[in-house]
Amino acid sequence: MTPSATSEETKPAPRPPRSEPVGDARPAGGGPSAGTGVRRLTAVDVRILEGVAVGTPTVRLAASLYLSRQGVEYRIGLMMRHFQATNRAALISRAHSLGVLSVGAWPPRVLPEFLEP
């Protein structure tokens, strides 16, 4: 770097803000279709997502699904990456906003069109 370089030249270029959802996001309303990018969930993922939505502890989820605690946390991590969520609350919020979870019912359920055949 030369002494004549300005602070503008040494800074990395700023990233433009994301104006559109990236990757697997789809607009609200309607089920999954060919162009939406939302993949279907396995039966285990559905049970885990519904459990997280109602606040079931990881250990209890693991026991009810005959999985290890680490196995449940791994699956949650995969779903968080898939839905681009930073934590469990964001995962459930994202699933609701994408129409994956039922609205107006307790406990929330994954809609059948998002279940893998």
C-alpha atoms as a PDB file:
ATOM      1  CA  MET A   1       0.000   0.000   0.000  1.00  0.00           C
ATOM      2  CA  THR A   2       1.326   3.399  -0.905  1.00  0.00           C
ATOM      3  CA  PRO A   3       1.242   6.397   1.417  1.00  0.00           C
ATOM      4  CA  SER A   4      -1.120   8.126  -1.008  1.00  0.00           C
ATOM      5  CA  ALA A   5      -3.786   5.409  -0.661  1.00  0.00           C
ATOM      6  CA  THR A   6      -6.973   6.639   0.920  1.00  0.00           C
ATOM      7  CA  SER A   7      -9.041   4.819   3.497  1.00  0.00           C
ATOM      8  CA  GLU A   8     -11.657   4.252   0.780  1.00  0.00           C
ATOM      9  CA  GLU A   9      -9.199   2.137  -1.201  1.00  0.00           C
ATOM     10  CA  THR A  10      -8.287  -0.093   1.733  1.00  0.00           C
ATOM     11  CA  LYS A  11     -11.819  -0.985   2.778  1.00  0.00           C
ATOM     12  CA  PRO A  12     -13.514  -4.000   1.191  1.00  0.00           C
ATOM     13  CA  ALA A  13     -16.453  -3.178  -1.038  1.00  0.00           C
ATOM     14  CA  PRO A  14     -19.723  -3.135   0.939  1.00  0.00           C
ATOM     15  CA  ARG A  15     -22.189  -5.891   0.195  1.00  0.00           C
ATOM     16  CA  PRO A  16     -25.502  -4.803  -1.232  1.00  0.00           C
ATOM     17  CA  PRO A  17     -28.477  -5.619   1.012  1.00  0.00           C
ATOM     18  CA  ARG A  18     -30.519  -8.639   0.056  1.00  0.00           C
ATOM     19  CA  SER A  19     -33.783  -7.498  -1.354  1.00  0.00           C
ATOM     20  CA  GLU A  20     -35.087 -10.951  -2.204  1.00  0.00           C
ATOM     21  CA  PRO A  21     -35.058 -14.186  -0.218  1.00  0.00           C
ATOM     22  CA  VAL A  22     -32.222 -16.455  -1.199  1.00  0.00           C
ATOM     23  CA  GLY A  23     -32.329 -20.111  -2.100  1.00  0.00           C
ATOM     24  CA  ASP A  24     -35.300 -22.084  -0.888  1.00  0.00           C
ATOM     25  CA  ALA A  25     -37.610 -19.235   0.026  1.00  0.00           C
ATOM     26  CA  ARG A  26     -40.967 -18.849  -1.665  1.00  0.00           C
ATOM     27  CA  PRO A  27     -43.719 -16.291  -1.484  1.00  0.00           C
ATOM     28  CA  ALA A  28     -46.424 -16.777   1.132  1.00  0.00           C
ATOM     29  CA  GLY A  29     -49.605 -18.540   0.138  1.00  0.00           C
ATOM     30  CA  GLY A  30     -50.026 -21.695  -1.866  1.00  0.00           C
ATOM     31  CA  GLY A  31     -48.297 -25.003  -1.596  1.00  0.00           C
ATOM     32  CA  PRO A  32     -45.002 -26.136  -2.996  1.00  0.00           C
ATOM     33  CA  SER A  33     -44.790 -26.152  -6.746  1.00  0.00           C
ATOM     34  CA  ALA A  34     -42.068 -26.726  -9.289  1.00  0.00           C
ATOM     35  CA  GLY A  35     -40.694 -23.184  -9.097  1.00  0.00           C
ATOM     36  CA  THR A  36     -40.929 -22.504  -5.352  1.00  0.00           C
ATOM     37  CA  GLY A  37     -37.737 -24.205  -4.189  1.00  0.00           C
ATOM     38  CA  VAL A  38     -39.196 -25.405  -0.861  1.00  0.00           C
ATOM     39  CA  ARG A  39     -38.238 -29.016  -0.484  1.00  0.00           C
ATOM     40  CA  ARG A  40     -40.560 -31.494   1.152  1.00  0.00           C
ATOM     41  CA  LEU A  41     -39.799 -32.628   4.680  1.00  0.00           C
ATOM     42  CA  THR A  42     -39.303 -36.190   5.849  1.00  0.00           C
ATOM     43  CA  ALA A  43     -41.637 -37.633   8.460  1.00  0.00           C
ATOM     44  CA  VAL A  44     -38.911 -37.255  11.108  1.00  0.00           C
ATOM     45  CA  ASP A  45     -38.303 -33.617  10.137  1.00  0.00           C
ATOM     46  CA  VAL A  46     -42.050 -32.949  10.347  1.00  0.00           C
ATOM     47  CA  ARG A  47     -42.274 -34.378  13.869  1.00  0.00           C
ATOM     48  CA  ILE A  48     -39.202 -32.411  14.959  1.00  0.00           C
ATOM     49  CA  LEU A  49     -40.457 -29.148  13.420  1.00  0.00           C
ATOM     50  CA  GLU A  50     -43.862 -29.573  15.069  1.00  0.00           C
ATOM     51  CA  GLY A  51     -42.158 -30.372  18.382  1.00  0.00           C
ATOM     52  CA  VAL A  52     -39.962 -27.292  18.191  1.00  0.00           C
ATOM     53  CA  ALA A  53     -43.039 -25.207  17.298  1.00  0.00           C
ATOM     54  CA  VAL A  54     -44.790 -26.199  20.531  1.00  0.00           C
ATOM     55  CA  GLY A  55     -41.635 -25.870  22.652  1.00  0.00           C
ATOM     56  CA  THR A  56     -40.860 -29.531  23.304  1.00  0.00           C
ATOM     57  CA  PRO A  57     -37.367 -29.919  24.787  1.00  0.00           C
ATOM     58  CA  THR A  58     -34.745 -31.638  22.626  1.00  0.00           C
ATOM     59  CA  VAL A  59     -34.333 -34.528  25.059  1.00  0.00           C
ATOM     60  CA  ARG A  60     -38.070 -35.273  25.033  1.00  0.00           C
ATOM     61  CA  LEU A  61     -38.175 -35.058  21.223  1.00  0.00           C
ATOM     62  CA  ALA A  62     -35.224 -37.426  21.015  1.00  0.00           C
ATOM     63  CA  ALA A  63     -36.853 -39.953  23.356  1.00  0.00           C
ATOM     64  CA  SER A  64     -40.180 -39.888  21.510  1.00  0.00           C
ATOM     65  CA  LEU A  65     -38.477 -40.371  18.119  1.00  0.00           C
ATOM     66  CA  TYR A  66     -35.939 -42.940  19.348  1.00  0.00           C
ATOM     67  CA  LEU A  67     -33.069 -40.689  18.315  1.00  0.00           C
ATOM     68  CA  SER A  68     -30.121 -39.275  20.212  1.00  0.00           C
ATOM     69  CA  ARG A  69     -30.198 -35.696  21.423  1.00  0.00           C
ATOM     70  CA  GLN A  70     -27.386 -34.923  18.984  1.00  0.00           C
ATOM     71  CA  GLY A  71     -29.390 -36.507  16.153  1.00  0.00           C
ATOM     72  CA  VAL A  72     -32.334 -34.220  16.855  1.00  0.00           C
ATOM     73  CA  GLU A  73     -30.064 -31.181  17.085  1.00  0.00           C
ATOM     74  CA  TYR A  74     -28.430 -32.178  13.794  1.00  0.00           C
ATOM     75  CA  ARG A  75     -31.823 -32.370  12.041  1.00  0.00           C
ATOM     76  CA  ILE A  76     -32.834 -29.006  13.525  1.00  0.00           C
ATOM     77  CA  GLY A  77     -29.562 -27.532  12.253  1.00  0.00           C
ATOM     78  CA  LEU A  78     -30.266 -28.854   8.758  1.00  0.00           C
ATOM     79  CA  MET A  79     -33.742 -27.317   8.797  1.00  0.00           C
ATOM     80  CA  MET A  80     -32.357 -24.028  10.095  1.00  0.00           C
ATOM     81  CA  ARG A  81     -29.956 -23.933   7.157  1.00  0.00           C
ATOM     82  CA  HIS A  82     -32.694 -24.924   4.728  1.00  0.00           C
ATOM     83  CA  PHE A  83     -35.030 -22.184   5.990  1.00  0.00           C
ATOM     84  CA  GLN A  84     -32.134 -19.732   6.477  1.00  0.00           C
ATOM     85  CA  ALA A  85     -32.915 -19.255  10.158  1.00  0.00           C
ATOM     86  CA  THR A  86     -30.384 -18.320  12.827  1.00  0.00           C
ATOM     87  CA  ASN A  87     -32.174 -19.950  15.761  1.00  0.00           C
ATOM     88  CA  ARG A  88     -35.212 -22.090  16.617  1.00  0.00           C
ATOM     89  CA  ALA A  89     -37.591 -19.172  16.985  1.00  0.00           C
ATOM     90  CA  ALA A  90     -36.559 -17.884  13.563  1.00  0.00           C
ATOM     91  CA  LEU A  91     -37.007 -21.396  12.137  1.00  0.00           C
ATOM     92  CA  ILE A  92     -40.618 -21.564  13.311  1.00  0.00           C
ATOM     93  CA  SER A  93     -41.298 -17.995  12.216  1.00  0.00           C
ATOM     94  CA  ARG A  94     -39.875 -18.731   8.772  1.00  0.00           C
ATOM     95  CA  ALA A  95     -41.890 -21.961   8.477  1.00  0.00           C
ATOM     96  CA  HIS A  96     -45.071 -20.046   9.347  1.00  0.00           C
ATOM     97  CA  SER A  97     -44.315 -17.250   6.886  1.00  0.00           C
ATOM     98  CA  LEU A  98     -43.655 -19.757   4.100  1.00  0.00           C
ATOM     99  CA  GLY A  99     -46.937 -21.538   4.791  1.00  0.00           C
ATOM    100  CA  VAL A 100     -45.315 -24.798   5.916  1.00  0.00           C
ATOM    101  CA  LEU A 101     -47.044 -24.751   9.318  1.00  0.00           C
ATOM    102  CA  SER A 102     -50.800 -24.519   9.730  1.00  0.00           C
ATOM    103  CA  VAL A 103     -52.245 -21.186  10.784  1.00  0.00           C
ATOM    104  CA  GLY A 104     -55.013 -20.730  13.346  1.00  0.00           C
ATOM    105  CA  ALA A 105     -54.647 -24.134  14.994  1.00  0.00           C
ATOM    106  CA  TRP A 106     -52.866 -25.376  18.083  1.00  0.00           C
ATOM    107  CA  PRO A 107     -50.630 -27.275  18.030  1.00  0.00           C
ATOM    108  CA  PRO A 108     -49.284 -26.134  14.660  1.00  0.00           C
ATOM    109  CA  ARG A 109     -48.978 -28.912  12.109  1.00  0.00           C
ATOM    110  CA  VAL A 110     -46.960 -29.197   8.912  1.00  0.00           C
ATOM    111  CA  LEU A 111     -49.343 -29.094   5.982  1.00  0.00           C
ATOM    112  CA  PRO A 112     -49.597 -32.398   4.059  1.00  0.00           C
ATOM    113  CA  GLU A 113     -48.289 -30.927   0.809  1.00  0.00           C
ATOM    114  CA  PHE A 114     -44.891 -30.376   2.488  1.00  0.00           C
ATOM    115  CA  LEU A 115     -44.553 -34.010   3.583  1.00  0.00           C
ATOM    116  CA  GLU A 116     -42.294 -36.229   1.514  1.00  0.00           C
ATOM    117  CA  PRO A 117     -44.210 -39.103  -0.076  1.00  0.00           C
END
